[in-house]
Protein backbone atom coordinates (compact mmCIF):
# COMPACT_ATOMS: atom_id res chain seq x y z
CA MET A 1 17.15 -3.28 14.29
CA HIS A 2 16.17 -1.90 17.72
CA SER A 3 19.41 0.10 18.02
CA ILE A 4 19.03 1.42 14.47
CA LYS A 5 15.52 2.65 15.23
CA ALA A 6 16.73 4.22 18.48
CA TRP A 7 19.44 6.12 16.58
CA LEU A 8 16.97 7.25 13.91
CA ARG A 9 14.72 8.52 16.69
CA ASP A 10 17.64 10.40 18.27
CA ILE A 11 18.45 12.23 15.03
CA GLY A 12 14.82 13.00 14.19
CA TRP A 13 14.36 10.36 11.48
CA ASP A 14 11.87 8.19 13.37
CA ASP A 15 9.05 8.96 10.91
CA TRP A 16 10.97 7.39 8.00
CA HIS A 17 9.96 3.91 6.81
CA ILE A 18 12.82 1.39 6.96
CA GLU A 19 13.20 -1.81 4.93
CA GLU A 20 16.10 -4.08 4.07
CA ALA A 21 17.88 -3.06 0.87
CA SER A 22 20.79 -5.51 0.53
CA ALA A 23 23.77 -7.14 2.19
CA ASP A 24 27.26 -7.74 0.83
CA ALA A 25 30.07 -10.27 1.25
CA SER A 26 31.17 -8.56 4.45
CA PHE A 27 29.24 -8.07 7.68
CA ARG A 28 27.62 -4.83 6.52
CA SER A 29 23.88 -4.50 5.93
CA TYR A 30 21.96 -1.87 4.01
CA TYR A 31 18.47 -0.48 4.62
CA ARG A 32 16.36 1.86 2.51
CA LEU A 33 14.77 4.77 4.36
CA THR A 34 11.74 6.30 2.63
CA LYS A 35 9.34 9.13 3.31
CA GLY A 36 7.01 10.28 0.56
CA HIS A 37 9.11 10.50 -2.62
CA GLN A 38 12.40 10.76 -0.74
CA SER A 39 14.75 7.85 -0.09
CA TYR A 40 18.18 7.30 1.45
CA ILE A 41 20.33 4.30 2.31
CA LEU A 42 21.32 3.46 5.86
CA MET A 43 24.61 1.55 5.95
CA ASP A 44 24.88 -0.60 9.07
CA SER A 45 28.51 -1.38 9.87
CA SER A 46 27.87 -2.03 13.55
CA ARG A 47 29.41 -5.51 13.25
CA MET A 48 32.56 -4.11 11.64
CA ARG A 49 32.85 -0.52 12.81
CA GLU A 50 36.53 -0.48 11.88
CA SER A 51 35.46 -0.32 8.21
CA LEU A 52 33.84 3.10 8.58
CA PRO A 53 36.93 5.33 8.85
CA PRO A 54 38.41 3.81 5.64
CA PHE A 55 35.03 4.24 3.91
CA LEU A 56 34.90 7.93 4.85
CA ASP A 57 38.55 8.41 3.88
CA MET A 58 38.14 6.79 0.42
CA HIS A 59 34.87 8.65 -0.06
CA GLU A 60 36.66 11.97 0.37
CA ARG A 61 39.54 10.96 -1.94
CA LEU A 62 37.16 9.89 -4.71
CA GLN A 63 34.91 12.93 -4.36
CA SER A 64 37.96 15.15 -4.78
CA VAL A 65 38.52 13.79 -8.32
CA ASN A 66 34.82 14.03 -9.25
CA VAL A 67 34.05 10.33 -9.03
CA ARG A 68 30.33 9.85 -8.35
CA VAL A 69 30.12 8.34 -4.88
CA PRO A 70 27.01 8.60 -2.66
CA SER A 71 26.83 11.86 -0.73
CA LEU A 72 26.86 11.63 3.07
CA VAL A 73 23.79 12.78 5.00
CA GLU A 74 24.28 11.56 8.59
CA LYS A 75 26.98 9.56 10.36
CA ASN A 76 27.70 7.98 13.71
CA THR A 77 31.04 6.20 13.61
CA THR A 78 30.72 5.11 17.26
CA LEU A 79 27.61 3.06 16.49
CA GLY A 80 28.71 2.20 12.95
CA TYR A 81 25.87 3.87 11.04
CA LEU A 82 25.83 6.09 7.97
CA ILE A 83 22.93 7.57 6.04
CA ILE A 84 23.96 8.11 2.44
CA GLU A 85 22.47 9.06 -0.91
CA ASP A 86 20.31 6.38 -2.52
CA PHE A 87 21.57 5.51 -6.01
CA GLY A 88 18.54 3.30 -6.58
CA SER A 89 18.54 -0.42 -7.32
CA LYS A 90 19.83 -0.55 -10.90
CA HIS A 91 23.25 -2.23 -10.96
CA TYR A 92 25.35 -2.59 -14.09
CA LEU A 93 24.68 -6.32 -13.88
CA ASP A 94 20.95 -5.65 -14.25
CA VAL A 95 21.25 -3.75 -17.51
CA LEU A 96 24.32 -5.07 -19.36
CA ASN A 97 23.48 -6.82 -22.63
CA ALA A 98 25.09 -7.60 -25.97
CA SER A 99 24.05 -4.30 -27.52
CA ASN A 100 25.11 -1.92 -24.74
CA TYR A 101 28.05 -3.45 -22.86
CA ARG A 102 30.74 -1.79 -24.99
CA VAL A 103 29.38 1.70 -24.37
CA LEU A 104 28.68 1.05 -20.68
CA TYR A 105 32.15 -0.41 -20.17
CA GLN A 106 33.79 2.54 -21.90
CA LYS A 107 31.97 4.86 -19.48
CA ALA A 108 33.13 2.74 -16.55
CA ILE A 109 36.71 2.73 -17.89
CA ASP A 110 36.62 6.53 -18.06
CA GLU A 111 35.73 6.47 -14.35
CA ILE A 112 38.73 4.22 -13.63
CA ILE A 113 40.99 6.81 -15.21
CA LYS A 114 39.46 9.46 -12.93
CA MET A 115 39.83 7.20 -9.88
CA GLN A 116 43.49 6.67 -10.68
CA GLN A 117 44.06 10.38 -10.14
CA ALA A 118 42.88 10.14 -6.51
CA ASP A 119 45.23 10.81 -3.61
CA ILE A 120 47.12 7.65 -2.57
CA LYS A 121 48.95 9.06 0.46
CA ASP A 122 49.25 6.47 3.28
CA LEU A 123 47.15 3.84 1.48
CA PRO A 124 48.40 0.24 1.89
CA LEU A 125 50.39 -1.14 -1.02
CA TYR A 126 49.53 -3.97 -3.37
CA ASP A 127 53.11 -5.18 -2.99
CA ARG A 128 54.71 -8.56 -3.66
CA ASP A 129 53.82 -9.98 -0.26
CA PHE A 130 50.17 -8.97 -0.44
CA LEU A 131 49.70 -10.19 -4.02
CA SER A 132 51.13 -13.55 -2.98
CA PHE A 133 49.13 -13.70 0.27
CA GLU A 134 45.89 -13.22 -1.66
CA MET A 135 46.68 -16.08 -4.05
CA GLN A 136 47.50 -18.39 -1.14
CA LEU A 137 43.84 -18.13 -0.14
CA MET A 138 43.04 -20.36 -3.10
CA GLN A 139 45.36 -23.12 -1.93
CA GLU A 140 44.02 -23.10 1.63
CA TRP A 141 40.32 -22.45 1.15
CA TYR A 142 39.54 -23.80 -2.32
CA LEU A 143 41.94 -26.67 -2.94
CA GLU A 144 42.51 -27.96 0.57
CA LYS A 145 39.30 -27.10 2.46
CA PHE A 146 36.61 -26.86 -0.23
CA LEU A 147 37.82 -29.63 -2.53
CA GLY A 148 39.40 -31.57 0.35
CA GLN A 149 42.67 -32.13 -1.51
CA SER A 150 45.98 -32.93 0.21
CA LEU A 151 48.79 -31.34 -1.75
CA LYS A 152 52.15 -33.05 -2.21
CA GLU A 153 55.31 -31.02 -1.64
CA GLU A 154 56.02 -30.77 -5.37
CA GLU A 155 52.47 -29.51 -5.97
CA LYS A 156 52.89 -26.83 -3.33
CA ASN A 157 56.19 -25.86 -4.97
CA LEU A 158 54.48 -25.61 -8.35
CA LEU A 159 51.83 -23.31 -6.87
CA ASN A 160 54.48 -21.12 -5.25
CA THR A 161 56.51 -20.90 -8.46
CA THR A 162 53.38 -20.00 -10.43
CA PHE A 163 52.30 -17.38 -7.92
CA GLN A 164 55.78 -15.84 -7.99
CA TYR A 165 55.72 -15.64 -11.78
CA ILE A 166 52.24 -14.09 -11.80
CA THR A 167 53.37 -11.55 -9.20
CA ASN A 168 56.46 -10.68 -11.26
CA VAL A 169 54.34 -9.91 -14.32
CA VAL A 170 51.86 -7.87 -12.27
CA LEU A 171 54.74 -5.80 -10.87
CA GLU A 172 56.24 -5.20 -14.33
CA GLN A 173 53.42 -2.82 -15.18
CA PRO A 174 53.08 0.77 -13.91
CA GLN A 175 52.10 0.93 -10.23
CA GLY A 176 51.17 3.66 -7.79
CA VAL A 177 47.53 4.31 -8.66
CA PHE A 178 44.38 4.24 -6.54
CA VAL A 179 42.84 0.74 -6.78
CA HIS A 180 39.17 0.30 -5.85
CA ARG A 181 39.71 -3.50 -5.60
CA ASP A 182 36.09 -4.54 -6.27
CA TYR A 183 35.21 -2.60 -9.41
CA HIS A 184 32.62 -4.86 -11.05
CA SER A 185 29.01 -4.95 -12.23
CA ARG A 186 27.50 -5.34 -8.75
CA ASN A 187 29.33 -2.28 -7.40
CA LEU A 188 28.51 0.04 -10.30
CA MET A 189 25.09 1.65 -10.15
CA LEU A 190 23.16 3.56 -12.78
CA THR A 191 21.48 6.53 -11.12
CA LYS A 192 18.14 7.94 -12.24
CA HIS A 193 20.15 10.39 -14.38
CA ASP A 194 22.14 7.49 -15.91
CA GLU A 195 25.33 8.51 -14.15
CA ILE A 196 27.67 5.78 -12.89
CA GLY A 197 27.50 5.64 -9.11
CA ILE A 198 30.38 3.80 -7.46
CA ILE A 199 30.04 1.92 -4.17
CA ASP A 200 32.01 -0.48 -1.93
CA PHE A 201 35.32 1.37 -2.22
CA GLN A 202 36.44 1.23 1.42
CA ASP A 203 39.15 -1.43 0.89
CA ALA A 204 41.16 0.60 -1.64
CA ARG A 205 44.91 0.15 -1.98
CA VAL A 206 47.73 1.44 -4.16
CA GLY A 207 48.60 -0.90 -6.98
CA ALA A 208 48.81 -1.76 -10.66
CA ILE A 209 47.07 0.12 -13.47
CA THR A 210 45.15 -2.96 -14.71
CA TYR A 211 43.60 -4.13 -11.41
CA ASP A 212 40.28 -2.29 -11.60
CA LEU A 213 40.25 -2.72 -15.38
CA VAL A 214 40.35 -6.51 -15.12
CA SER A 215 37.83 -6.50 -12.26
CA LEU A 216 35.45 -4.73 -14.63
CA LEU A 217 36.12 -6.57 -17.88
CA LYS A 218 36.68 -10.10 -16.52
CA ASP A 219 33.83 -9.88 -14.04
CA CYS A 220 33.09 -13.02 -12.01
CA TYR A 221 29.34 -12.46 -12.47
CA ILE A 222 29.12 -11.96 -16.24
CA GLN A 223 31.24 -12.81 -19.29
CA TRP A 224 31.76 -11.38 -22.77
CA ASP A 225 33.69 -12.29 -25.92
CA THR A 226 37.45 -12.40 -25.24
CA LYS A 227 38.44 -10.39 -28.32
CA GLU A 228 35.92 -7.66 -27.51
CA ILE A 229 37.22 -7.53 -23.93
CA GLU A 230 40.78 -7.14 -25.22
CA LYS A 231 39.65 -4.24 -27.43
CA LEU A 232 38.14 -2.57 -24.38
CA ALA A 233 41.35 -3.16 -22.40
CA LEU A 234 43.28 -1.43 -25.18
CA TYR A 235 40.71 1.40 -25.13
CA TYR A 236 41.82 2.00 -21.53
CA ARG A 237 45.50 1.87 -22.51
CA ASP A 238 44.99 4.47 -25.24
CA LYS A 239 42.75 6.72 -23.13
CA ALA A 240 45.15 6.56 -20.17
CA VAL A 241 48.12 7.12 -22.54
CA ILE A 242 50.11 4.06 -21.48
CA ASP A 243 53.07 3.77 -23.86
CA VAL A 244 53.29 0.01 -24.42
CA ASP A 245 52.53 -2.39 -27.29
CA ASP A 246 49.34 -4.43 -27.51
CA ALA A 247 50.86 -7.81 -26.63
CA THR A 248 52.63 -6.52 -23.53
CA PHE A 249 49.58 -4.69 -22.26
CA ILE A 250 47.31 -7.71 -22.79
CA LYS A 251 49.83 -9.88 -20.92
CA TRP A 252 49.77 -7.42 -18.00
CA PHE A 253 45.97 -7.48 -18.13
CA ASP A 254 45.84 -11.29 -18.30
CA PHE A 255 48.19 -11.85 -15.38
CA MET A 256 46.46 -9.27 -13.23
CA GLY A 257 43.29 -11.22 -13.97
CA LEU A 258 44.97 -14.48 -12.95
CA GLN A 259 46.04 -12.99 -9.63
CA ARG A 260 42.57 -11.68 -8.95
CA HIS A 261 40.66 -14.79 -10.00
CA ILE A 262 42.96 -17.14 -8.08
CA LYS A 263 42.33 -15.02 -4.98
CA ILE A 264 38.58 -14.97 -5.60
CA LEU A 265 38.38 -18.77 -5.77
CA GLY A 266 39.73 -18.79 -2.23
CA ILE A 267 37.39 -16.02 -1.10
CA PHE A 268 34.25 -17.64 -2.55
CA ALA A 269 35.16 -20.92 -0.83
CA ARG A 270 35.87 -19.10 2.44
CA LEU A 271 32.57 -17.22 2.31
CA TYR A 272 30.82 -20.57 2.12
CA LEU A 273 32.90 -22.59 4.57
CA ARG A 274 33.66 -19.97 7.21
CA ASP A 275 30.83 -17.46 6.89
CA GLY A 276 27.97 -19.74 5.81
CA LYS A 277 27.29 -17.73 2.63
CA ASP A 278 26.56 -20.13 -0.22
CA GLY A 279 25.39 -17.53 -2.74
CA TYR A 280 28.85 -17.25 -4.30
CA LEU A 281 29.26 -20.96 -5.05
CA LYS A 282 27.40 -20.52 -8.35
CA ASP A 283 30.08 -18.02 -9.44
CA ILE A 284 32.99 -20.43 -9.00
CA PRO A 285 32.63 -22.07 -12.48
CA LEU A 286 33.01 -18.75 -14.33
CA THR A 287 35.95 -17.77 -12.12
CA LEU A 288 37.61 -21.12 -12.85
CA ASN A 289 36.92 -20.70 -16.55
CA TYR A 290 38.74 -17.36 -16.59
CA ILE A 291 41.76 -18.93 -14.87
CA VAL A 292 41.97 -21.97 -17.13
CA LYS A 293 41.44 -20.00 -20.34
CA THR A 294 44.00 -17.33 -19.48
CA ALA A 295 46.66 -19.53 -17.88
CA SER A 296 46.49 -21.91 -20.86
CA LYS A 297 47.71 -19.08 -23.14
CA TYR A 298 51.14 -18.84 -21.49
CA PRO A 299 53.80 -21.58 -21.20
CA GLN A 300 54.77 -20.50 -17.67
CA THR A 301 51.28 -21.24 -16.30
CA LYS A 302 50.23 -24.36 -18.23
CA ALA A 303 51.48 -26.74 -15.52
CA PHE A 304 49.36 -24.82 -13.01
CA VAL A 305 46.28 -25.38 -15.21
CA ALA A 306 47.00 -29.11 -15.32
CA LEU A 307 47.36 -29.25 -11.53
CA LEU A 308 44.16 -27.28 -10.97
CA GLN A 309 42.16 -29.44 -13.39
CA SER A 310 43.46 -32.66 -11.84
CA LYS A 311 42.26 -31.54 -8.40
CA ILE A 312 38.85 -30.49 -9.67
CA HIS A 313 38.32 -33.79 -11.46
CA LYS A 314 39.29 -35.74 -8.32
CA GLU A 315 36.59 -34.03 -6.28
């Protein structure tokens, strides 16, 4: 905090009140700066300064397609500090309910379609190797380290075969769009004018059309009726003019969700075991539920469900 206050003094902001606003799953911290009726957010990336250039790059790409990202006020990439617009404290997760989620999700889907028009030049690819690498996090961090399970060779082979099949289905769908990668109810803000403000976009890649859609609709922090979620997925398909039948699109959507949720199991376990962050442990049951429910629909992933459930029940 001393170095933050020294920087604020250097740029003439030393008369602003500073208080902690939030932290995220990374090593970034956020502070709210207030003076009178004015407020801004100070993003402290001093422990991971390498994340700032990607943040500024993605910020510019999203602004160029009229996606509502926080405006930049001050920056010091050497120290790892940014002062940005304050969207307030109202996340989608705070306001979603049974009567409004369809409308709010449709608005958020419209933003996905805008994001997918953003420049993708030189962004890293969500290719076969990376999709597979992400799913391997589940084997290492969730099954082996968190649950303490030793996998037999045939079990490892089953996981690899399943991950390959999931990857194949993910890569069947149209690729080559800007992917936010963490487009969910905690990263969507409602501004004081009820606009959708989008945050935490610095890790964007180029990938499949359903990635951000499934992040939004099969959110690890909140769940809705499966049939209603499928209707919203098809709303995206129609609005984005994707020429494919319902069953094929829902399969793409389902398997993208499997890839993401398998990865997230590993990440939640790693956040706890490696980084000492236990706040995500409570979100593991819903993430598991998505995997089991979806993988049970398809013959190619039923053996994976059985393996997963056998390991959980042994714990």
